[in-house]
């Protein structure tokens, strides 16, 4: 069975929730690669008051073409109010 981008995004979010214990707040990017998929997700790492001071974590999840987890890593932290 061939997985589409939507299915891969949902699988990556599920895998991250199981690994980190936090549900991603957004899917930032998804790209088909030669040997699978790279999915970039963002989640609240630490809540703060005001919300603009929340610390967000950006994660990269690599899945193979069958949806199996290949690798997972946090690539950066940022304040919600910071723009790139």
PDB file of N, CA and C in Angstrom:
ATOM      1  N   UNK A   1       0.838  -1.178   0.000  1.00  0.00           N
ATOM      2  CA  UNK A   1       0.000   0.000   0.000  1.00  0.00           C
ATOM      3  C   UNK A   1       0.888   1.249   0.000  1.00  0.00           C
ATOM      4  N   UNK A   2       0.573   2.167  -0.856  1.00  0.00           N
ATOM      5  CA  UNK A   2       1.318   3.419  -0.924  1.00  0.00           C
ATOM      6  C   UNK A   2       0.640   4.462  -0.043  1.00  0.00           C
ATOM      7  N   UNK A   3       1.429   5.074   0.806  1.00  0.00           N
ATOM      8  CA  UNK A   3       0.898   6.106   1.692  1.00  0.00           C
ATOM      9  C   UNK A   3       0.984   7.465   1.030  1.00  0.00           C
ATOM     10  N   UNK A   4      -0.046   8.272   1.202  1.00  0.00           N
ATOM     11  CA  UNK A   4      -0.040   9.638   0.709  1.00  0.00           C
ATOM     12  C   UNK A   4       0.430  10.584   1.795  1.00  0.00           C
ATOM     13  N   UNK A   5       0.627  11.832   1.428  1.00  0.00           N
ATOM     14  CA  UNK A   5       1.146  12.835   2.358  1.00  0.00           C
ATOM     15  C   UNK A   5       0.236  13.003   3.585  1.00  0.00           C
ATOM     16  N   UNK A   6      -1.064  13.005   3.386  1.00  0.00           N
ATOM     17  CA  UNK A   6      -1.979  13.184   4.518  1.00  0.00           C
ATOM     18  C   UNK A   6      -1.842  12.039   5.518  1.00  0.00           C
ATOM     19  N   UNK A   7      -1.798  10.808   5.017  1.00  0.00           N
ATOM     20  CA  UNK A   7      -1.649   9.652   5.903  1.00  0.00           C
ATOM     21  C   UNK A   7      -0.314   9.688   6.635  1.00  0.00           C
ATOM     22  N   UNK A   8       0.733  10.054   5.929  1.00  0.00           N
ATOM     23  CA  UNK A   8       2.067  10.129   6.534  1.00  0.00           C
ATOM     24  C   UNK A   8       2.088  11.197   7.626  1.00  0.00           C
ATOM     25  N   UNK A   9       1.488  12.353   7.372  1.00  0.00           N
ATOM     26  CA  UNK A   9       1.431  13.406   8.378  1.00  0.00           C
ATOM     27  C   UNK A   9       0.723  12.952   9.640  1.00  0.00           C
ATOM     28  N   UNK A  10      -0.397  12.274   9.486  1.00  0.00           N
ATOM     29  CA  UNK A  10      -1.143  11.770  10.643  1.00  0.00           C
ATOM     30  C   UNK A  10      -0.345  10.714  11.400  1.00  0.00           C
ATOM     31  N   UNK A  11       0.325   9.821  10.661  1.00  0.00           N
ATOM     32  CA  UNK A  11       1.161   8.799  11.302  1.00  0.00           C
ATOM     33  C   UNK A  11       2.312   9.433  12.080  1.00  0.00           C
ATOM     34  N   UNK A  12       2.946  10.433  11.498  1.00  0.00           N
ATOM     35  CA  UNK A  12       4.059  11.112  12.172  1.00  0.00           C
ATOM     36  C   UNK A  12       3.578  11.771  13.461  1.00  0.00           C
ATOM     37  N   UNK A  13       2.405  12.393  13.424  1.00  0.00           N
ATOM     38  CA  UNK A  13       1.854  13.025  14.627  1.00  0.00           C
ATOM     39  C   UNK A  13       1.571  11.975  15.706  1.00  0.00           C
ATOM     40  N   UNK A  14       1.044  10.836  15.287  1.00  0.00           N
ATOM     41  CA  UNK A  14       0.778   9.747  16.229  1.00  0.00           C
ATOM     42  C   UNK A  14       2.070   9.218  16.842  1.00  0.00           C
ATOM     43  N   UNK A  15       3.084   9.004  16.014  1.00  0.00           N
ATOM     44  CA  UNK A  15       4.376   8.493  16.503  1.00  0.00           C
ATOM     45  C   UNK A  15       4.999   9.472  17.499  1.00  0.00           C
ATOM     46  N   UNK A  16       4.953  10.761  17.175  1.00  0.00           N
ATOM     47  CA  UNK A  16       5.536  11.762  18.066  1.00  0.00           C
ATOM     48  C   UNK A  16       4.794  11.797  19.399  1.00  0.00           C
ATOM     49  N   UNK A  17       3.483  11.712  19.364  1.00  0.00           N
ATOM     50  CA  UNK A  17       2.694  11.712  20.592  1.00  0.00           C
ATOM     51  C   UNK A  17       3.106  10.553  21.487  1.00  0.00           C
ATOM     52  N   UNK A  18       3.315   9.391  20.897  1.00  0.00           N
ATOM     53  CA  UNK A  18       3.735   8.218  21.680  1.00  0.00           C
ATOM     54  C   UNK A  18       5.147   8.380  22.235  1.00  0.00           C
ATOM     55  N   UNK A  19       6.044   8.934  21.446  1.00  0.00           N
ATOM     56  CA  UNK A  19       7.442   9.073  21.866  1.00  0.00           C
ATOM     57  C   UNK A  19       7.643  10.146  22.924  1.00  0.00           C
ATOM     58  N   UNK A  20       7.034  11.311  22.711  1.00  0.00           N
ATOM     59  CA  UNK A  20       7.279  12.468  23.563  1.00  0.00           C
ATOM     60  C   UNK A  20       6.202  12.628  24.632  1.00  0.00           C
ATOM     61  N   UNK A  21       5.013  12.112  24.363  1.00  0.00           N
ATOM     62  CA  UNK A  21       3.911  12.275  25.299  1.00  0.00           C
ATOM     63  C   UNK A  21       3.176  13.587  25.129  1.00  0.00           C
ATOM     64  N   UNK A  22       3.453  14.280  24.022  1.00  0.00           N
ATOM     65  CA  UNK A  22       2.818  15.567  23.727  1.00  0.00           C
ATOM     66  C   UNK A  22       2.271  15.511  22.311  1.00  0.00           C
ATOM     67  N   UNK A  23       1.045  15.958  22.143  1.00  0.00           N
ATOM     68  CA  UNK A  23       0.451  16.008  20.806  1.00  0.00           C
ATOM     69  C   UNK A  23       0.995  17.227  20.071  1.00  0.00           C
ATOM     70  N   UNK A  24       1.495  17.057  18.853  1.00  0.00           N
ATOM     71  CA  UNK A  24       1.976  18.208  18.073  1.00  0.00           C
ATOM     72  C   UNK A  24       0.859  19.225  17.874  1.00  0.00           C
ATOM     73  N   UNK A  25       1.235  20.496  17.920  1.00  0.00           N
ATOM     74  CA  UNK A  25       0.250  21.551  17.702  1.00  0.00           C
ATOM     75  C   UNK A  25       0.084  21.871  16.228  1.00  0.00           C
ATOM     76  N   UNK A  26       1.109  21.574  15.429  1.00  0.00           N
ATOM     77  CA  UNK A  26       0.987  21.825  13.990  1.00  0.00           C
ATOM     78  C   UNK A  26       1.963  20.976  13.190  1.00  0.00           C
ATOM     79  N   UNK A  27       1.564  20.711  11.974  1.00  0.00           N
ATOM     80  CA  UNK A  27       2.417  20.051  10.999  1.00  0.00           C
ATOM     81  C   UNK A  27       3.042  21.182  10.186  1.00  0.00           C
ATOM     82  N   UNK A  28       4.358  21.330  10.290  1.00  0.00           N
ATOM     83  CA  UNK A  28       5.051  22.460   9.680  1.00  0.00           C
ATOM     84  C   UNK A  28       5.463  22.156   8.246  1.00  0.00           C
ATOM     85  N   UNK A  29       5.827  20.896   7.979  1.00  0.00           N
ATOM     86  CA  UNK A  29       6.244  20.543   6.626  1.00  0.00           C
ATOM     87  C   UNK A  29       6.252  19.046   6.427  1.00  0.00           C
ATOM     88  N   UNK A  30       6.134  18.660   5.163  1.00  0.00           N
ATOM     89  CA  UNK A  30       6.195  17.249   4.800  1.00  0.00           C
ATOM     90  C   UNK A  30       6.808  17.154   3.420  1.00  0.00           C
ATOM     91  N   UNK A  31       7.755  16.234   3.270  1.00  0.00           N
ATOM     92  CA  UNK A  31       8.438  16.091   1.982  1.00  0.00           C
ATOM     93  C   UNK A  31       8.691  14.625   1.690  1.00  0.00           C
ATOM     94  N   UNK A  32       8.416  14.242   0.465  1.00  0.00           N
ATOM     95  CA  UNK A  32       8.717  12.884   0.000  1.00  0.00           C
ATOM     96  C   UNK A  32      10.193  12.845  -0.357  1.00  0.00           C
ATOM     97  N   UNK A  33      10.890  11.848   0.162  1.00  0.00           N
ATOM     98  CA  UNK A  33      12.301  11.661  -0.148  1.00  0.00           C
ATOM     99  C   UNK A  33      12.483  10.311  -0.817  1.00  0.00           C
ATOM    100  N   UNK A  34      13.667  10.032  -1.286  1.00  0.00           N
ATOM    101  CA  UNK A  34      13.939   8.809  -2.037  1.00  0.00           C
ATOM    102  C   UNK A  34      13.568   7.546  -1.266  1.00  0.00           C
ATOM    103  N   UNK A  35      13.819   7.539   0.040  1.00  0.00           N
ATOM    104  CA  UNK A  35      13.592   6.333   0.828  1.00  0.00           C
ATOM    105  C   UNK A  35      12.492   6.480   1.871  1.00  0.00           C
ATOM    106  N   UNK A  36      11.648   7.479   1.726  1.00  0.00           N
ATOM    107  CA  UNK A  36      10.554   7.658   2.673  1.00  0.00           C
ATOM    108  C   UNK A  36      10.080   9.094   2.739  1.00  0.00           C
ATOM    109  N   UNK A  37       9.751   9.526   3.952  1.00  0.00           N
ATOM    110  CA  UNK A  37       9.158  10.836   4.169  1.00  0.00           C
ATOM    111  C   UNK A  37       9.841  11.573   5.312  1.00  0.00           C
ATOM    112  N   UNK A  38      10.015  12.869   5.176  1.00  0.00           N
ATOM    113  CA  UNK A  38      10.491  13.728   6.261  1.00  0.00           C
ATOM    114  C   UNK A  38       9.323  14.623   6.649  1.00  0.00           C
ATOM    115  N   UNK A  39       8.955  14.564   7.919  1.00  0.00           N
ATOM    116  CA  UNK A  39       7.830  15.343   8.426  1.00  0.00           C
ATOM    117  C   UNK A  39       8.351  16.252   9.533  1.00  0.00           C
ATOM    118  N   UNK A  40       8.018  17.531   9.461  1.00  0.00           N
ATOM    119  CA  UNK A  40       8.424  18.501  10.476  1.00  0.00           C
ATOM    120  C   UNK A  40       7.190  18.906  11.267  1.00  0.00           C
ATOM    121  N   UNK A  41       7.291  18.741  12.589  1.00  0.00           N
ATOM    122  CA  UNK A  41       6.172  19.010  13.483  1.00  0.00           C
ATOM    123  C   UNK A  41       6.585  20.004  14.559  1.00  0.00           C
ATOM    124  N   UNK A  42       5.600  20.708  15.097  1.00  0.00           N
ATOM    125  CA  UNK A  42       5.864  21.661  16.168  1.00  0.00           C
ATOM    126  C   UNK A  42       4.925  21.350  17.330  1.00  0.00           C
ATOM    127  N   UNK A  43       5.451  21.474  18.553  1.00  0.00           N
ATOM    128  CA  UNK A  43       4.656  21.223  19.754  1.00  0.00           C
ATOM    129  C   UNK A  43       5.064  22.205  20.846  1.00  0.00           C
ATOM    130  N   UNK A  44       4.143  22.451  21.757  1.00  0.00           N
ATOM    131  CA  UNK A  44       4.456  23.305  22.901  1.00  0.00           C
ATOM    132  C   UNK A  44       5.334  22.494  23.850  1.00  0.00           C
ATOM    133  N   UNK A  45       6.536  22.985  24.080  1.00  0.00           N
ATOM    134  CA  UNK A  45       7.483  22.326  24.980  1.00  0.00           C
ATOM    135  C   UNK A  45       7.259  22.789  26.423  1.00  0.00           C
ATOM    136  N   UNK A  46       6.925  24.085  26.581  1.00  0.00           N
ATOM    137  CA  UNK A  46       6.658  24.643  27.911  1.00  0.00           C
ATOM    138  C   UNK A  46       5.659  25.778  27.777  1.00  0.00           C
ATOM    139  N   UNK A  47       4.556  25.685  28.529  1.00  0.00           N
ATOM    140  CA  UNK A  47       3.545  26.742  28.543  1.00  0.00           C
ATOM    141  C   UNK A  47       4.033  27.904  29.394  1.00  0.00           C
ATOM    142  N   UNK A  48       3.622  29.098  29.002  1.00  0.00           N
ATOM    143  CA  UNK A  48       4.000  30.301  29.744  1.00  0.00           C
ATOM    144  C   UNK A  48       2.855  31.302  29.708  1.00  0.00           C
ATOM    145  N   UNK A  49       2.930  32.286  30.571  1.00  0.00           N
ATOM    146  CA  UNK A  49       1.974  33.391  30.563  1.00  0.00           C
ATOM    147  C   UNK A  49       2.793  34.653  30.361  1.00  0.00           C
ATOM    148  N   UNK A  50       2.534  35.412  29.333  1.00  0.00           N
ATOM    149  CA  UNK A  50       1.507  35.240  28.298  1.00  0.00           C
ATOM    150  C   UNK A  50       1.898  34.137  27.310  1.00  0.00           C
ATOM    151  N   UNK A  51       0.912  33.705  26.490  1.00  0.00           N
ATOM    152  CA  UNK A  51       1.126  32.638  25.514  1.00  0.00           C
ATOM    153  C   UNK A  51       2.270  32.939  24.561  1.00  0.00           C
ATOM    154  N   UNK A  52       2.524  34.202  24.285  1.00  0.00           N
ATOM    155  CA  UNK A  52       3.588  34.560  23.346  1.00  0.00           C
ATOM    156  C   UNK A  52       4.966  34.160  23.867  1.00  0.00           C
ATOM    157  N   UNK A  53       5.058  33.801  25.142  1.00  0.00           N
ATOM    158  CA  UNK A  53       6.324  33.348  25.729  1.00  0.00           C
ATOM    159  C   UNK A  53       6.413  31.824  25.829  1.00  0.00           C
ATOM    160  N   UNK A  54       5.383  31.093  25.326  1.00  0.00           N
ATOM    161  CA  UNK A  54       5.474  29.635  25.272  1.00  0.00           C
ATOM    162  C   UNK A  54       6.750  29.242  24.541  1.00  0.00           C
ATOM    163  N   UNK A  55       7.361  28.139  24.960  1.00  0.00           N
ATOM    164  CA  UNK A  55       8.511  27.593  24.248  1.00  0.00           C
ATOM    165  C   UNK A  55       7.998  26.481  23.349  1.00  0.00           C
ATOM    166  N   UNK A  56       8.240  26.630  22.047  1.00  0.00           N
ATOM    167  CA  UNK A  56       7.818  25.641  21.061  1.00  0.00           C
ATOM    168  C   UNK A  56       9.024  24.828  20.623  1.00  0.00           C
ATOM    169  N   UNK A  57       8.813  23.548  20.421  1.00  0.00           N
ATOM    170  CA  UNK A  57       9.854  22.653  19.936  1.00  0.00           C
ATOM    171  C   UNK A  57       9.501  22.208  18.525  1.00  0.00           C
ATOM    172  N   UNK A  58      10.506  22.189  17.649  1.00  0.00           N
ATOM    173  CA  UNK A  58      10.334  21.725  16.277  1.00  0.00           C
ATOM    174  C   UNK A  58      11.031  20.372  16.163  1.00  0.00           C
ATOM    175  N   UNK A  59      10.297  19.387  15.647  1.00  0.00           N
ATOM    176  CA  UNK A  59      10.795  18.019  15.530  1.00  0.00           C
ATOM    177  C   UNK A  59      10.804  17.580  14.068  1.00  0.00           C
ATOM    178  N   UNK A  60      11.768  16.732  13.716  1.00  0.00           N
ATOM    179  CA  UNK A  60      11.762  16.067  12.408  1.00  0.00           C
ATOM    180  C   UNK A  60      11.552  14.579  12.647  1.00  0.00           C
ATOM    181  N   UNK A  61      10.593  14.043  11.917  1.00  0.00           N
ATOM    182  CA  UNK A  61      10.264  12.629  11.988  1.00  0.00           C
ATOM    183  C   UNK A  61      10.468  12.056  10.598  1.00  0.00           C
ATOM    184  N   UNK A  62      11.234  10.972  10.514  1.00  0.00           N
ATOM    185  CA  UNK A  62      11.439  10.293   9.231  1.00  0.00           C
ATOM    186  C   UNK A  62      10.696   8.970   9.269  1.00  0.00           C
ATOM    187  N   UNK A  63       9.840   8.765   8.271  1.00  0.00           N
ATOM    188  CA  UNK A  63       9.094   7.525   8.125  1.00  0.00           C
ATOM    189  C   UNK A  63       9.460   6.880   6.802  1.00  0.00           C
ATOM    190  N   UNK A  64       9.498   5.542   6.788  1.00  0.00           N
ATOM    191  CA  UNK A  64       9.738   4.872   5.506  1.00  0.00           C
ATOM    192  C   UNK A  64       8.443   4.861   4.700  1.00  0.00           C
ATOM    193  N   UNK A  65       8.482   4.289   3.525  1.00  0.00           N
ATOM    194  CA  UNK A  65       7.313   4.309   2.638  1.00  0.00           C
ATOM    195  C   UNK A  65       6.130   3.515   3.182  1.00  0.00           C
ATOM    196  N   UNK A  66       6.376   2.681   4.189  1.00  0.00           N
ATOM    197  CA  UNK A  66       5.292   1.910   4.808  1.00  0.00           C
ATOM    198  C   UNK A  66       4.791   2.548   6.101  1.00  0.00           C
ATOM    199  N   UNK A  67       5.370   3.690   6.480  1.00  0.00           N
ATOM    200  CA  UNK A  67       4.934   4.397   7.675  1.00  0.00           C
ATOM    201  C   UNK A  67       5.671   4.015   8.939  1.00  0.00           C
ATOM    202  N   UNK A  68       6.733   3.207   8.816  1.00  0.00           N
ATOM    203  CA  UNK A  68       7.527   2.827   9.979  1.00  0.00           C
ATOM    204  C   UNK A  68       8.487   3.953  10.345  1.00  0.00           C
ATOM    205  N   UNK A  69       8.658   4.157  11.643  1.00  0.00           N
ATOM    206  CA  UNK A  69       9.547   5.205  12.127  1.00  0.00           C
ATOM    207  C   UNK A  69      10.995   4.853  11.828  1.00  0.00           C
ATOM    208  N   UNK A  70      11.686   5.778  11.152  1.00  0.00           N
ATOM    209  CA  UNK A  70      13.104   5.596  10.861  1.00  0.00           C
ATOM    210  C   UNK A  70      13.959   6.372  11.837  1.00  0.00           C
ATOM    211  N   UNK A  71      13.599   7.629  12.079  1.00  0.00           N
ATOM    212  CA  UNK A  71      14.312   8.447  13.060  1.00  0.00           C
ATOM    213  C   UNK A  71      13.422   9.586  13.521  1.00  0.00           C
ATOM    214  N   UNK A  72      13.855  10.177  14.629  1.00  0.00           N
ATOM    215  CA  UNK A  72      13.077  11.216  15.277  1.00  0.00           C
ATOM    216  C   UNK A  72      14.055  12.116  16.016  1.00  0.00           C
ATOM    217  N   UNK A  73      13.934  13.434  15.850  1.00  0.00           N
ATOM    218  CA  UNK A  73      14.822  14.324  16.596  1.00  0.00           C
ATOM    219  C   UNK A  73      14.195  15.706  16.762  1.00  0.00           C
ATOM    220  N   UNK A  74      14.535  16.342  17.894  1.00  0.00           N
ATOM    221  CA  UNK A  74      14.146  17.731  18.099  1.00  0.00           C
ATOM    222  C   UNK A  74      15.240  18.563  17.461  1.00  0.00           C
ATOM    223  N   UNK A  75      14.848  19.477  16.564  1.00  0.00           N
ATOM    224  CA  UNK A  75      15.863  20.233  15.834  1.00  0.00           C
ATOM    225  C   UNK A  75      16.026  21.659  16.345  1.00  0.00           C
ATOM    226  N   UNK A  76      15.016  22.197  17.037  1.00  0.00           N
ATOM    227  CA  UNK A  76      15.195  23.541  17.604  1.00  0.00           C
ATOM    228  C   UNK A  76      14.074  23.879  18.578  1.00  0.00           C
ATOM    229  N   UNK A  77      14.373  24.892  19.396  1.00  0.00           N
ATOM    230  CA  UNK A  77      13.390  25.475  20.313  1.00  0.00           C
ATOM    231  C   UNK A  77      13.252  26.948  19.968  1.00  0.00           C
ATOM    232  N   UNK A  78      12.056  27.497  20.188  1.00  0.00           N
ATOM    233  CA  UNK A  78      11.851  28.922  19.946  1.00  0.00           C
ATOM    234  C   UNK A  78      10.691  29.405  20.809  1.00  0.00           C
ATOM    235  N   UNK A  79      10.669  30.712  21.060  1.00  0.00           N
ATOM    236  CA  UNK A  79       9.511  31.318  21.726  1.00  0.00           C
ATOM    237  C   UNK A  79       8.408  31.500  20.702  1.00  0.00           C
ATOM    238  N   UNK A  80       7.185  31.310  21.130  1.00  0.00           N
ATOM    239  CA  UNK A  80       6.053  31.463  20.212  1.00  0.00           C
ATOM    240  C   UNK A  80       6.071  32.831  19.530  1.00  0.00           C
ATOM    241  N   UNK A  81       6.454  33.868  20.246  1.00  0.00           N
ATOM    242  CA  UNK A  81       6.439  35.209  19.696  1.00  0.00           C
ATOM    243  C   UNK A  81       7.569  35.493  18.710  1.00  0.00           C
ATOM    244  N   UNK A  82       8.577  34.624  18.652  1.00  0.00           N
ATOM    245  CA  UNK A  82       9.691  34.827  17.708  1.00  0.00           C
ATOM    246  C   UNK A  82       9.257  34.431  16.301  1.00  0.00           C
ATOM    247  N   UNK A  83       9.623  35.246  15.333  1.00  0.00           N
ATOM    248  CA  UNK A  83       9.346  34.903  13.943  1.00  0.00           C
ATOM    249  C   UNK A  83      10.652  34.587  13.250  1.00  0.00           C
ATOM    250  N   UNK A  84      10.542  33.794  12.212  1.00  0.00           N
ATOM    251  CA  UNK A  84      11.753  33.386  11.473  1.00  0.00           C
ATOM    252  C   UNK A  84      11.943  34.228  10.255  1.00  0.00           C
TER     253      UNK A  84
END
